[in-house]
Amino acid sequence: MKQSKPDNQLVWQYAGLATQLLVGLGLMLWVGGRLDGYFGWESPYLVWILPLLLLLGVLIKVLRDTSKR
């Protein structure tokens, strides 16, 4: 029989994931804003695209980590 992780360990695992997500979103917004300014685009394309790519990557990671094998 497979033993489950203690609840305390799962809390820290998801707290770390949430921290990575928030820091990553902030970083992607900042980088997107800088790159949009550098390229001189009038619409904030990269401010939208980079955080969406990060969210997609995090969602794929969560689905892989939580799926049954």
N, C-alpha and C. Protein backbone atom coordinates (compact mmCIF):
# COMPACT_ATOMS: atom_id res chain seq x y z
N MET A 1 0.83 -1.18 0.00
CA MET A 1 0.00 0.00 0.00
C MET A 1 0.88 1.26 0.00
N LYS A 2 0.50 2.25 -0.76
CA LYS A 2 1.27 3.49 -0.86
C LYS A 2 0.87 4.43 0.27
N GLN A 3 1.88 4.97 0.97
CA GLN A 3 1.59 5.89 2.06
C GLN A 3 1.48 7.30 1.50
N SER A 4 0.55 8.07 2.08
CA SER A 4 0.37 9.45 1.63
C SER A 4 1.30 10.37 2.41
N LYS A 5 1.53 11.54 1.86
CA LYS A 5 2.39 12.52 2.52
C LYS A 5 1.66 13.12 3.71
N PRO A 6 2.39 13.53 4.73
CA PRO A 6 1.74 14.22 5.85
C PRO A 6 1.11 15.54 5.39
N ASP A 7 0.05 15.95 6.06
CA ASP A 7 -0.65 17.18 5.66
C ASP A 7 0.26 18.40 5.71
N ASN A 8 1.15 18.45 6.69
CA ASN A 8 2.05 19.59 6.82
C ASN A 8 2.96 19.71 5.60
N GLN A 9 3.41 18.61 5.07
CA GLN A 9 4.29 18.64 3.90
C GLN A 9 3.53 19.12 2.66
N LEU A 10 2.27 18.72 2.52
CA LEU A 10 1.47 19.18 1.38
C LEU A 10 1.20 20.68 1.46
N VAL A 11 0.98 21.19 2.67
CA VAL A 11 0.76 22.63 2.83
C VAL A 11 1.98 23.41 2.36
N TRP A 12 3.17 22.96 2.76
CA TRP A 12 4.39 23.66 2.35
C TRP A 12 4.64 23.53 0.86
N GLN A 13 4.27 22.39 0.29
CA GLN A 13 4.44 22.19 -1.15
C GLN A 13 3.57 23.17 -1.93
N TYR A 14 2.31 23.31 -1.54
CA TYR A 14 1.43 24.22 -2.25
C TYR A 14 1.73 25.68 -1.94
N ALA A 15 2.24 25.96 -0.74
CA ALA A 15 2.66 27.33 -0.43
C ALA A 15 3.84 27.73 -1.30
N GLY A 16 4.76 26.81 -1.52
CA GLY A 16 5.89 27.08 -2.40
C GLY A 16 5.45 27.29 -3.83
N LEU A 17 4.48 26.50 -4.28
CA LEU A 17 3.96 26.66 -5.64
C LEU A 17 3.27 28.02 -5.80
N ALA A 18 2.51 28.42 -4.79
CA ALA A 18 1.82 29.71 -4.85
C ALA A 18 2.83 30.86 -4.88
N THR A 19 3.89 30.74 -4.09
CA THR A 19 4.92 31.78 -4.08
C THR A 19 5.61 31.86 -5.44
N GLN A 20 5.94 30.72 -6.01
CA GLN A 20 6.56 30.71 -7.34
C GLN A 20 5.64 31.34 -8.37
N LEU A 21 4.36 31.05 -8.28
CA LEU A 21 3.39 31.60 -9.23
C LEU A 21 3.32 33.12 -9.11
N LEU A 22 3.20 33.64 -7.90
CA LEU A 22 3.10 35.09 -7.72
C LEU A 22 4.37 35.82 -8.15
N VAL A 23 5.52 35.29 -7.78
CA VAL A 23 6.78 35.92 -8.18
C VAL A 23 6.96 35.83 -9.69
N GLY A 24 6.61 34.69 -10.26
CA GLY A 24 6.73 34.51 -11.71
C GLY A 24 5.82 35.45 -12.48
N LEU A 25 4.58 35.62 -11.99
CA LEU A 25 3.66 36.55 -12.66
C LEU A 25 4.17 37.98 -12.60
N GLY A 26 4.66 38.37 -11.44
CA GLY A 26 5.23 39.71 -11.31
C GLY A 26 6.41 39.92 -12.23
N LEU A 27 7.27 38.94 -12.29
CA LEU A 27 8.45 39.02 -13.16
C LEU A 27 8.06 39.07 -14.63
N MET A 28 7.10 38.25 -15.03
CA MET A 28 6.67 38.23 -16.44
C MET A 28 5.99 39.55 -16.82
N LEU A 29 5.23 40.14 -15.90
CA LEU A 29 4.61 41.43 -16.18
C LEU A 29 5.68 42.51 -16.35
N TRP A 30 6.68 42.49 -15.49
CA TRP A 30 7.74 43.48 -15.56
C TRP A 30 8.54 43.32 -16.85
N VAL A 31 8.94 42.08 -17.16
CA VAL A 31 9.71 41.82 -18.37
C VAL A 31 8.88 42.16 -19.61
N GLY A 32 7.60 41.80 -19.61
CA GLY A 32 6.73 42.12 -20.74
C GLY A 32 6.60 43.62 -20.96
N GLY A 33 6.47 44.36 -19.87
CA GLY A 33 6.38 45.82 -19.99
C GLY A 33 7.66 46.43 -20.54
N ARG A 34 8.80 45.92 -20.05
CA ARG A 34 10.07 46.43 -20.54
C ARG A 34 10.27 46.12 -22.03
N LEU A 35 9.92 44.88 -22.42
CA LEU A 35 10.10 44.50 -23.83
C LEU A 35 9.12 45.23 -24.74
N ASP A 36 7.90 45.44 -24.29
CA ASP A 36 6.95 46.21 -25.09
C ASP A 36 7.46 47.63 -25.31
N GLY A 37 8.03 48.22 -24.27
CA GLY A 37 8.61 49.56 -24.41
C GLY A 37 9.82 49.57 -25.33
N TYR A 38 10.63 48.52 -25.24
CA TYR A 38 11.83 48.43 -26.08
C TYR A 38 11.47 48.33 -27.56
N PHE A 39 10.46 47.49 -27.86
CA PHE A 39 10.06 47.32 -29.25
C PHE A 39 9.18 48.47 -29.74
N GLY A 40 8.66 49.28 -28.84
CA GLY A 40 7.87 50.44 -29.22
C GLY A 40 6.46 50.11 -29.69
N TRP A 41 5.95 48.97 -29.26
CA TRP A 41 4.59 48.60 -29.65
C TRP A 41 3.59 49.42 -28.88
N GLU A 42 2.50 49.81 -29.54
CA GLU A 42 1.49 50.61 -28.88
C GLU A 42 0.59 49.77 -27.98
N SER A 43 0.38 48.53 -28.36
CA SER A 43 -0.43 47.63 -27.53
C SER A 43 0.50 46.76 -26.68
N PRO A 44 0.08 46.43 -25.46
CA PRO A 44 0.94 45.64 -24.57
C PRO A 44 0.86 44.15 -24.86
N TYR A 45 1.40 43.73 -25.98
CA TYR A 45 1.31 42.32 -26.38
C TYR A 45 2.02 41.41 -25.39
N LEU A 46 3.26 41.71 -25.08
CA LEU A 46 4.05 40.82 -24.24
C LEU A 46 3.61 40.85 -22.77
N VAL A 47 2.98 41.95 -22.35
CA VAL A 47 2.43 42.00 -20.99
C VAL A 47 1.30 40.99 -20.85
N TRP A 48 0.63 40.68 -21.93
CA TRP A 48 -0.43 39.66 -21.90
C TRP A 48 0.10 38.27 -22.19
N ILE A 49 1.01 38.14 -23.15
CA ILE A 49 1.44 36.82 -23.60
C ILE A 49 2.33 36.11 -22.58
N LEU A 50 3.32 36.81 -22.02
CA LEU A 50 4.26 36.16 -21.11
C LEU A 50 3.59 35.60 -19.84
N PRO A 51 2.72 36.37 -19.15
CA PRO A 51 2.05 35.77 -17.98
C PRO A 51 1.11 34.61 -18.36
N LEU A 52 0.48 34.69 -19.53
CA LEU A 52 -0.38 33.58 -19.95
C LEU A 52 0.43 32.32 -20.21
N LEU A 53 1.62 32.46 -20.78
CA LEU A 53 2.48 31.30 -20.99
C LEU A 53 2.94 30.72 -19.65
N LEU A 54 3.22 31.58 -18.69
CA LEU A 54 3.60 31.11 -17.36
C LEU A 54 2.45 30.35 -16.71
N LEU A 55 1.24 30.89 -16.78
CA LEU A 55 0.08 30.21 -16.21
C LEU A 55 -0.17 28.86 -16.87
N LEU A 56 0.01 28.80 -18.17
CA LEU A 56 -0.15 27.54 -18.88
C LEU A 56 0.89 26.52 -18.41
N GLY A 57 2.12 26.95 -18.25
CA GLY A 57 3.17 26.06 -17.77
C GLY A 57 2.92 25.57 -16.35
N VAL A 58 2.46 26.45 -15.47
CA VAL A 58 2.16 26.06 -14.10
C VAL A 58 0.97 25.09 -14.07
N LEU A 59 -0.02 25.34 -14.89
CA LEU A 59 -1.17 24.44 -14.94
C LEU A 59 -0.76 23.05 -15.41
N ILE A 60 0.09 22.97 -16.41
CA ILE A 60 0.57 21.67 -16.89
C ILE A 60 1.37 20.98 -15.79
N LYS A 61 2.21 21.74 -15.06
CA LYS A 61 2.99 21.15 -13.97
C LYS A 61 2.08 20.60 -12.88
N VAL A 62 1.06 21.34 -12.50
CA VAL A 62 0.15 20.89 -11.46
C VAL A 62 -0.60 19.64 -11.92
N LEU A 63 -1.05 19.62 -13.15
CA LEU A 63 -1.76 18.45 -13.66
C LEU A 63 -0.87 17.21 -13.69
N ARG A 64 0.38 17.38 -14.07
CA ARG A 64 1.31 16.24 -14.07
C ARG A 64 1.60 15.76 -12.66
N ASP A 65 1.76 16.70 -11.72
CA ASP A 65 2.08 16.33 -10.34
C ASP A 65 0.91 15.66 -9.62
N THR A 66 -0.30 16.03 -9.97
CA THR A 66 -1.46 15.50 -9.24
C THR A 66 -2.16 14.35 -9.93
N SER A 67 -1.77 14.03 -11.16
CA SER A 67 -2.44 12.93 -11.86
C SER A 67 -1.96 11.59 -11.31
N LYS A 68 -2.84 10.61 -11.38
CA LYS A 68 -2.49 9.27 -10.94
C LYS A 68 -1.62 8.61 -11.98
N ARG A 69 -0.67 7.84 -11.55
CA ARG A 69 0.23 7.18 -12.49
C ARG A 69 -0.13 5.76 -12.65
